[in-house]
Amino acid sequence: MAPALAGLRLRALAFAERRLPALTRLRRREDLPIRLDRRRIYVLPTGFGVLFGVLLFVMLVGALNYGNNAALLLTCVLAAAAGSSLFVAFRALSGLELVGLRADEAEAGTPRRVHLRFDPGQRARSSLRLRHAAGAIVFDLEAGRAAEATLELAPSARGWQPTGRLRLWTDQPFGLFQCWSWINPAQELLVYPALERPAPPLPSGRGRIGEQAETGSSEEHAGLREYRPSDPPRLIAWKASVRHDSLLVRDVERRSGEMLELAHHALRGLDAEARIRRLAAWVVEAERAQRSYALVLPGATIGPSLGEAHRTACLRALATLPAGAAP
């Protein structure tokens, strides 16, 4: 029974694609800018609008039955106001243009914040609503000034993820009619790998995975950092810890000039996704500690280097690493 229903649904969609392209084409992804015109804006009465229409019909019948001109005039005025509200709602969407889309950095398994930039043209647009499967927002646009609306998308896996279809609608000014349109940007958003928490200490140089940097009291003082469980008690800076209300230690890691080598193949005993999570955590930690590092992945080596551009390149490479990459 299920295969037969599935086949019937596919045939119905194919027929709709041929006969009703204006209704089905909005499922396809579109390149920016996306402009809303009259061919892609749909209008239906709300539940309140249906009740209001029934009330107007009853008022009309009563006014005609009793020959009450005042009641007839009131009915006509209310009907004209309702009809005008439909065009107000339609104009709130007509001509609106989505001109930009960007996303904040996000880890796999955490919500993504997406910023959509709209150009309202020469008309102010109020009480616009944007809905996605994960939630909805309400925003206003001033005439002649492009502005951004921020939407939080549901958590997803690492890698390039589609934005998905977004429903843009309004029921202003009276809530009698709902005008809506679908936008489906072709842009995909990159989701970084989740970080391993807690992650083991950084490796201590090229080729030595899992060892800590050597410490001692004779090395050059390199500032203060937060206490780690592996730090010896003699390195604790008690006075500074009291001032900052947290346990701090003197950072005397031996900086011998060796860069860190964060190698995918060296993390034996971990599955592919666990390796990616650990390497991502080490990349973030190496940047925080300001230690030069290279990321060694199957078929590619990034670095050694340091800085925001290098960090981004490493996290992008980890995010797009194929699932089950070669050990």
Foldseek 3Di string as FASTA:
>chain_A
DVVVVVVVVVVVVVVCVVVPVLVPVQQDADAPWDWDAPSFKDKDFDPVLVVVVVVLVVLCVVCVVVVPVVSNVVSVVVVVVLVVFRVVFVLLRHGKIFHDKDWDAAAAQDKIKMKIKIQREQDKHAQKKKDDPVGIDTDIGDGPDIDIDIDIHGGHAFAWAFPGKMKIWGCPDPNGMIMIGIHGHPHTYGHFHAADPPAQDAAAAPPGGRDDFDFDDPADFDAKDADDPPDDPVQWPVVVCVVVVGTIGTPRGDPPVGAGELELVVPPPDFLSVSLNNSLNNLVVCQVVVGFYWYHDVPDIQDRDYDDVSNVVSRNCSRHQDHRPDD
